[in-house]
Amino acid sequence: MPKIKTNRGAAKRFKKTASGRFKRAQAFHNHILTKKSQKRKRQLRSDMLVAEADTAAIRRMMPYA
């Protein structure tokens, strides 16, 4: 069997945690930041876990993570 290629876009966006879940950055923290409050921007900095429903799809994209 040949090796499976890792989806490079997914590899740049997700990191695997020790428990096997995936971390991701929050959206809406890239541009047009002047109209967003400091509190909102500060809270958008933190990482989140990927939803359970999406984890299987990410695992397929990143077979060796």
N, C-alpha and C. Protein backbone atom coordinates (compact mmCIF):
# COMPACT_ATOMS: atom_id res chain seq x y z
N MET A 1 0.84 -1.19 0.00
CA MET A 1 0.00 0.00 0.00
C MET A 1 0.88 1.25 0.00
N PRO A 2 0.54 2.22 -0.84
CA PRO A 2 1.30 3.47 -0.81
C PRO A 2 0.93 4.29 0.42
N LYS A 3 1.82 5.21 0.73
CA LYS A 3 1.54 6.11 1.85
C LYS A 3 0.41 7.06 1.48
N ILE A 4 -0.30 7.54 2.49
CA ILE A 4 -1.37 8.51 2.28
C ILE A 4 -0.78 9.90 2.45
N LYS A 5 -1.13 10.80 1.54
CA LYS A 5 -0.63 12.17 1.64
C LYS A 5 -1.43 12.93 2.70
N THR A 6 -0.71 13.74 3.46
CA THR A 6 -1.33 14.65 4.42
C THR A 6 -1.85 15.87 3.67
N ASN A 7 -3.04 16.30 3.99
CA ASN A 7 -3.59 17.54 3.44
C ASN A 7 -2.81 18.70 4.06
N ARG A 8 -2.02 19.41 3.25
CA ARG A 8 -1.13 20.43 3.78
C ARG A 8 -1.88 21.62 4.36
N GLY A 9 -3.05 21.94 3.82
CA GLY A 9 -3.85 23.02 4.37
C GLY A 9 -4.32 22.70 5.78
N ALA A 10 -4.72 21.44 5.99
CA ALA A 10 -5.16 21.00 7.31
C ALA A 10 -3.98 20.95 8.28
N ALA A 11 -2.82 20.54 7.80
CA ALA A 11 -1.65 20.44 8.67
C ALA A 11 -1.24 21.80 9.22
N LYS A 12 -1.48 22.85 8.45
CA LYS A 12 -1.13 24.20 8.90
C LYS A 12 -2.17 24.76 9.87
N ARG A 13 -3.38 24.22 9.84
CA ARG A 13 -4.46 24.79 10.64
C ARG A 13 -4.72 24.05 11.95
N PHE A 14 -4.40 22.78 12.02
CA PHE A 14 -4.76 21.97 13.18
C PHE A 14 -3.54 21.33 13.80
N LYS A 15 -3.58 21.19 15.14
CA LYS A 15 -2.54 20.48 15.88
C LYS A 15 -3.24 19.45 16.77
N LYS A 16 -2.63 18.29 16.87
CA LYS A 16 -3.23 17.23 17.67
C LYS A 16 -2.85 17.41 19.14
N THR A 17 -3.81 17.18 20.04
CA THR A 17 -3.54 17.27 21.47
C THR A 17 -3.15 15.89 21.99
N ALA A 18 -2.70 15.83 23.23
CA ALA A 18 -2.28 14.56 23.82
C ALA A 18 -3.44 13.58 23.96
N SER A 19 -4.65 14.11 24.10
CA SER A 19 -5.81 13.23 24.25
C SER A 19 -6.39 12.79 22.91
N GLY A 20 -5.78 13.25 21.80
CA GLY A 20 -6.23 12.80 20.49
C GLY A 20 -7.20 13.72 19.78
N ARG A 21 -7.56 14.81 20.43
CA ARG A 21 -8.44 15.79 19.78
C ARG A 21 -7.58 16.77 19.00
N PHE A 22 -8.22 17.72 18.33
CA PHE A 22 -7.48 18.68 17.51
C PHE A 22 -7.75 20.10 17.98
N LYS A 23 -6.67 20.90 18.06
CA LYS A 23 -6.77 22.32 18.40
C LYS A 23 -6.90 23.11 17.12
N ARG A 24 -7.59 24.25 17.21
CA ARG A 24 -7.70 25.15 16.07
C ARG A 24 -7.75 26.58 16.57
N ALA A 25 -7.39 27.51 15.71
CA ALA A 25 -7.50 28.93 16.04
C ALA A 25 -8.93 29.38 15.76
N GLN A 26 -9.33 30.45 16.41
CA GLN A 26 -10.67 30.98 16.18
C GLN A 26 -10.68 31.88 14.95
N ALA A 27 -11.81 31.94 14.30
CA ALA A 27 -11.98 32.79 13.13
C ALA A 27 -12.26 34.23 13.57
N PHE A 28 -12.35 35.13 12.61
CA PHE A 28 -12.70 36.55 12.83
C PHE A 28 -11.63 37.33 13.58
N HIS A 29 -10.38 36.89 13.52
CA HIS A 29 -9.32 37.62 14.22
C HIS A 29 -8.21 37.98 13.25
N ASN A 30 -8.56 38.21 11.99
CA ASN A 30 -7.57 38.39 10.95
C ASN A 30 -7.48 39.83 10.44
N HIS A 31 -8.60 40.42 10.15
CA HIS A 31 -8.61 41.77 9.62
C HIS A 31 -9.93 42.44 10.01
N ILE A 32 -10.05 43.73 9.67
CA ILE A 32 -11.19 44.55 10.11
C ILE A 32 -11.31 44.48 11.63
N LEU A 33 -10.19 44.73 12.30
CA LEU A 33 -10.16 44.60 13.76
C LEU A 33 -10.53 45.90 14.47
N THR A 34 -10.57 47.01 13.74
CA THR A 34 -10.79 48.30 14.40
C THR A 34 -12.20 48.41 14.98
N LYS A 35 -13.17 47.78 14.36
CA LYS A 35 -14.54 47.89 14.86
C LYS A 35 -14.86 46.86 15.94
N LYS A 36 -13.95 45.92 16.18
CA LYS A 36 -14.17 44.91 17.21
C LYS A 36 -13.61 45.39 18.54
N SER A 37 -14.31 45.07 19.61
CA SER A 37 -13.89 45.54 20.93
C SER A 37 -12.64 44.80 21.39
N GLN A 38 -11.93 45.42 22.34
CA GLN A 38 -10.73 44.79 22.89
C GLN A 38 -11.06 43.44 23.52
N LYS A 39 -12.19 43.38 24.22
CA LYS A 39 -12.60 42.12 24.87
C LYS A 39 -12.81 41.03 23.83
N ARG A 40 -13.49 41.39 22.74
CA ARG A 40 -13.77 40.40 21.69
C ARG A 40 -12.47 39.91 21.04
N LYS A 41 -11.56 40.84 20.75
CA LYS A 41 -10.29 40.46 20.12
C LYS A 41 -9.44 39.60 21.06
N ARG A 42 -9.46 39.94 22.34
CA ARG A 42 -8.70 39.18 23.34
C ARG A 42 -9.22 37.75 23.44
N GLN A 43 -10.54 37.60 23.42
CA GLN A 43 -11.13 36.26 23.52
C GLN A 43 -10.92 35.44 22.26
N LEU A 44 -10.79 36.11 21.12
CA LEU A 44 -10.55 35.39 19.86
C LEU A 44 -9.13 34.85 19.75
N ARG A 45 -8.22 35.33 20.61
CA ARG A 45 -6.84 34.85 20.57
C ARG A 45 -6.71 33.40 21.00
N SER A 46 -7.56 32.95 21.89
CA SER A 46 -7.41 31.62 22.47
C SER A 46 -7.75 30.53 21.46
N ASP A 47 -7.10 29.37 21.63
CA ASP A 47 -7.37 28.21 20.78
C ASP A 47 -8.63 27.51 21.26
N MET A 48 -9.25 26.77 20.34
CA MET A 48 -10.43 25.98 20.68
C MET A 48 -10.21 24.57 20.20
N LEU A 49 -11.01 23.66 20.69
CA LEU A 49 -10.98 22.29 20.20
C LEU A 49 -11.96 22.15 19.05
N VAL A 50 -11.61 21.32 18.09
CA VAL A 50 -12.50 21.05 16.96
C VAL A 50 -13.69 20.25 17.47
N ALA A 51 -14.86 20.50 16.91
CA ALA A 51 -16.07 19.79 17.33
C ALA A 51 -15.93 18.30 17.04
N GLU A 52 -16.55 17.49 17.88
CA GLU A 52 -16.49 16.03 17.73
C GLU A 52 -16.97 15.59 16.36
N ALA A 53 -17.97 16.27 15.82
CA ALA A 53 -18.54 15.89 14.52
C ALA A 53 -17.53 16.09 13.39
N ASP A 54 -16.59 17.00 13.54
CA ASP A 54 -15.61 17.29 12.49
C ASP A 54 -14.30 16.53 12.67
N THR A 55 -14.11 15.90 13.82
CA THR A 55 -12.82 15.27 14.12
C THR A 55 -12.48 14.15 13.16
N ALA A 56 -13.48 13.36 12.76
CA ALA A 56 -13.21 12.24 11.84
C ALA A 56 -12.70 12.74 10.50
N ALA A 57 -13.25 13.84 10.00
CA ALA A 57 -12.81 14.39 8.72
C ALA A 57 -11.37 14.88 8.81
N ILE A 58 -11.01 15.51 9.92
CA ILE A 58 -9.64 16.00 10.09
C ILE A 58 -8.68 14.85 10.25
N ARG A 59 -9.09 13.80 10.93
CA ARG A 59 -8.24 12.62 11.08
C ARG A 59 -7.93 11.99 9.72
N ARG A 60 -8.91 12.02 8.81
CA ARG A 60 -8.68 11.50 7.45
C ARG A 60 -7.69 12.38 6.69
N MET A 61 -7.77 13.69 6.89
CA MET A 61 -6.87 14.61 6.21
C MET A 61 -5.45 14.54 6.75
N MET A 62 -5.31 14.15 8.03
CA MET A 62 -4.01 14.11 8.68
C MET A 62 -3.78 12.73 9.27
N PRO A 63 -3.48 11.73 8.44
CA PRO A 63 -3.38 10.35 8.92
C PRO A 63 -2.21 10.08 9.85
N TYR A 64 -1.16 10.92 9.79
CA TYR A 64 0.04 10.67 10.60
C TYR A 64 0.22 11.66 11.74
N ALA A 65 -0.81 12.46 12.01
CA ALA A 65 -0.71 13.45 13.09
C ALA A 65 -0.86 12.78 14.44
